[in-house]
Protein backbone atom coordinates (compact mmCIF):
# COMPACT_ATOMS: atom_id res chain seq x y z
CA UNK A 1 -13.52 1.12 -4.03
CA UNK A 2 -12.31 4.20 -2.24
CA UNK A 3 -9.74 6.89 -1.81
CA UNK A 4 -6.80 6.19 0.51
CA UNK A 5 -4.61 9.10 1.74
CA UNK A 6 -0.79 9.03 1.92
CA UNK A 7 1.86 11.44 3.04
CA UNK A 8 3.03 13.25 -0.11
CA UNK A 9 6.65 13.75 1.07
CA UNK A 10 7.28 10.17 2.31
CA UNK A 11 8.03 7.04 0.38
CA UNK A 12 10.08 5.70 -2.48
CA UNK A 13 11.74 8.25 -4.59
CA UNK A 14 10.69 7.21 -8.09
CA UNK A 15 10.24 10.54 -9.80
CA UNK A 16 13.29 12.48 -10.79
CA UNK A 17 12.94 16.16 -11.47
CA UNK A 18 12.80 15.56 -15.27
CA UNK A 19 9.76 13.26 -14.93
CA UNK A 20 6.86 15.66 -15.52
CA UNK A 21 4.35 13.76 -17.66
CA UNK A 22 1.57 11.93 -15.74
CA UNK A 23 1.95 8.96 -18.19
CA UNK A 24 5.66 8.61 -17.28
CA UNK A 25 4.84 8.76 -13.60
CA UNK A 26 2.20 6.09 -14.12
CA UNK A 27 4.64 3.84 -15.90
CA UNK A 28 7.19 4.23 -13.10
CA UNK A 29 4.62 3.31 -10.53
CA UNK A 30 3.44 0.27 -12.51
CA UNK A 31 6.98 -0.99 -12.78
CA UNK A 32 7.55 -0.31 -9.08
CA UNK A 33 4.56 -2.40 -8.17
CA UNK A 34 5.68 -5.14 -10.64
CA UNK A 35 9.19 -5.32 -9.18
CA UNK A 36 7.67 -6.71 -5.95
CA UNK A 37 6.28 -9.75 -7.84
CA UNK A 38 2.67 -8.73 -7.95
CA UNK A 39 0.67 -9.86 -11.00
CA UNK A 40 -0.37 -6.59 -12.48
CA UNK A 41 -1.16 -7.92 -15.99
CA UNK A 42 -4.87 -6.95 -15.48
CA UNK A 43 -4.12 -3.67 -13.67
CA UNK A 44 -3.92 -0.16 -15.10
CA UNK A 45 -2.23 2.71 -13.35
CA UNK A 46 -2.96 6.32 -14.02
CA UNK A 47 -1.59 9.50 -12.38
CA UNK A 48 -3.47 12.75 -11.97
CA UNK A 49 -1.26 15.22 -10.29
CA UNK A 50 -0.67 13.73 -6.74
CA UNK A 51 -3.26 10.94 -7.23
CA UNK A 52 -2.80 7.46 -8.46
CA UNK A 53 -5.81 5.67 -9.90
CA UNK A 54 -5.69 1.86 -9.84
CA UNK A 55 -8.20 -0.06 -12.01
CA UNK A 56 -8.54 -3.61 -13.13
CA UNK A 57 -8.61 -7.06 -11.56
CA UNK A 58 -6.36 -8.72 -8.93
CA UNK A 59 -6.27 -12.27 -7.48
CA UNK A 60 -6.68 -11.60 -3.78
CA UNK A 61 -7.77 -8.93 -1.29
CA UNK A 62 -4.32 -9.22 0.33
CA UNK A 63 -2.54 -8.45 -2.94
CA UNK A 64 -5.00 -5.70 -3.69
CA UNK A 65 -4.09 -3.88 -0.37
CA UNK A 66 -0.43 -4.48 -0.98
CA UNK A 67 -0.60 -2.97 -4.43
CA UNK A 68 -2.46 0.04 -3.07
CA UNK A 69 0.12 0.72 -0.39
CA UNK A 70 3.00 0.13 -2.90
CA UNK A 71 1.54 2.72 -5.28
CA UNK A 72 0.81 5.19 -2.50
CA UNK A 73 4.08 4.97 -0.57
CA UNK A 74 5.74 6.97 -3.32
CA UNK A 75 7.16 10.47 -2.77
CA UNK A 76 4.82 12.93 -4.52
CA UNK A 77 1.74 10.84 -4.18
CA UNK A 78 -0.94 11.91 -1.73
CA UNK A 79 -3.86 9.66 -2.56
CA UNK A 80 -4.69 6.38 -4.27
CA UNK A 81 -8.10 6.03 -5.88
CA UNK A 82 -8.99 2.23 -5.77
CA UNK A 83 -10.98 0.69 -8.55
CA UNK A 84 -9.41 -2.81 -8.21
CA UNK A 85 -11.75 -5.78 -8.25
CA UNK A 86 -10.78 -8.98 -6.42
CA UNK A 87 -11.43 -12.05 -8.55
CA UNK A 88 -10.88 -14.76 -5.90
CA UNK A 89 -13.20 -15.10 -2.90
CA UNK A 90 -11.85 -13.67 0.23
CA UNK A 91 -11.19 -16.33 2.84
CA UNK A 92 -12.09 -13.93 5.67
CA UNK A 93 -14.42 -10.96 5.90
CA UNK A 94 -12.35 -7.85 5.21
CA UNK A 95 -11.99 -5.09 7.85
CA UNK A 96 -13.81 -1.84 7.40
CA UNK A 97 -11.93 0.30 4.91
CA UNK A 98 -10.61 2.69 7.61
CA UNK A 99 -9.09 -0.18 9.53
CA UNK A 100 -7.34 -1.85 6.62
CA UNK A 101 -4.47 0.60 6.59
CA UNK A 102 -2.35 2.32 9.16
CA UNK A 103 -0.19 5.46 8.74
CA UNK A 104 3.07 5.18 10.66
CA UNK A 105 3.67 8.01 13.13
CA UNK A 106 6.98 9.18 14.60
CA UNK A 107 7.99 6.80 17.40
CA UNK A 108 5.95 3.86 16.02
CA UNK A 109 7.29 0.35 15.69
CA UNK A 110 5.43 -2.78 14.64
CA UNK A 111 4.83 -4.21 18.08
CA UNK A 112 3.40 -0.86 19.27
CA UNK A 113 1.14 -0.75 16.16
CA UNK A 114 0.12 -4.38 16.82
CA UNK A 115 -0.85 -3.48 20.43
CA UNK A 116 -2.93 -0.57 19.14
CA UNK A 117 -4.79 -2.36 16.36
CA UNK A 118 -4.96 -6.05 17.73
CA UNK A 119 -4.52 -5.47 21.53
CA UNK A 120 -1.43 -7.70 21.47
CA UNK A 121 2.15 -6.50 20.73
CA UNK A 122 3.29 -9.98 19.94
CA UNK A 123 1.12 -9.99 16.76
CA UNK A 124 3.56 -7.56 15.06
CA UNK A 125 4.61 -10.39 12.76
CA UNK A 126 1.08 -10.45 11.19
CA UNK A 127 1.60 -6.90 10.11
CA UNK A 128 5.14 -7.56 8.91
CA UNK A 129 4.06 -10.61 6.85
CA UNK A 130 1.13 -8.67 5.31
CA UNK A 131 3.53 -5.91 4.11
CA UNK A 132 6.14 -8.18 2.53
CA UNK A 133 7.93 -7.67 0.13
CA UNK A 134 7.67 -3.93 0.63
CA UNK A 135 9.08 -4.46 4.19
CA UNK A 136 12.25 -6.38 4.42
CA UNK A 137 12.86 -5.86 8.09
CA UNK A 138 10.27 -5.33 10.83
CA UNK A 139 12.50 -2.53 12.25
CA UNK A 140 12.64 -0.54 9.00
CA UNK A 141 9.42 1.55 9.00
CA UNK A 142 9.27 5.27 8.70
CA UNK A 143 6.74 8.05 9.64
CA UNK A 144 4.26 8.61 6.86
CA UNK A 145 4.45 5.12 5.48
CA UNK A 146 1.10 3.39 5.06
CA UNK A 147 0.93 -0.23 6.10
CA UNK A 148 -1.67 -2.97 5.39
CA UNK A 149 -3.44 -4.11 8.55
CA UNK A 150 -4.90 -7.56 7.84
CA UNK A 151 -7.75 -9.09 9.82
CA UNK A 152 -6.80 -11.77 12.30
CA UNK A 153 -8.06 -15.15 11.08
């Protein structure tokens, strides 16, 4: 459980100017998460101004982290409050919360990030795979995007 920060002016453009109600924003984010194939049948999404609150149960820690970054990488969202519970046991010990996510900076690319977090640029594919299906190409990341950084098994 925690609060994860995102760049408010970066990410998917889900909200049109006429979308004002928090309930409508929550529904758009829920459908956005769902379109990536995540099982969100036991997940609720609420929006409070610039904050998304995720509650419920998910199957794995990996999917939990992917759902968090999918919800947070939306233009107009600055934080995600995580109340998701993982129902399956994690196969590895999770990283400390501050090391589970990485905010892309200008000039970053996946191998540079892999070098920074793992000490080996060749491990960029671990980060790419952990962020599928949100990432479709390892070269298409943008400043402000938050990525899942999985532990090395």
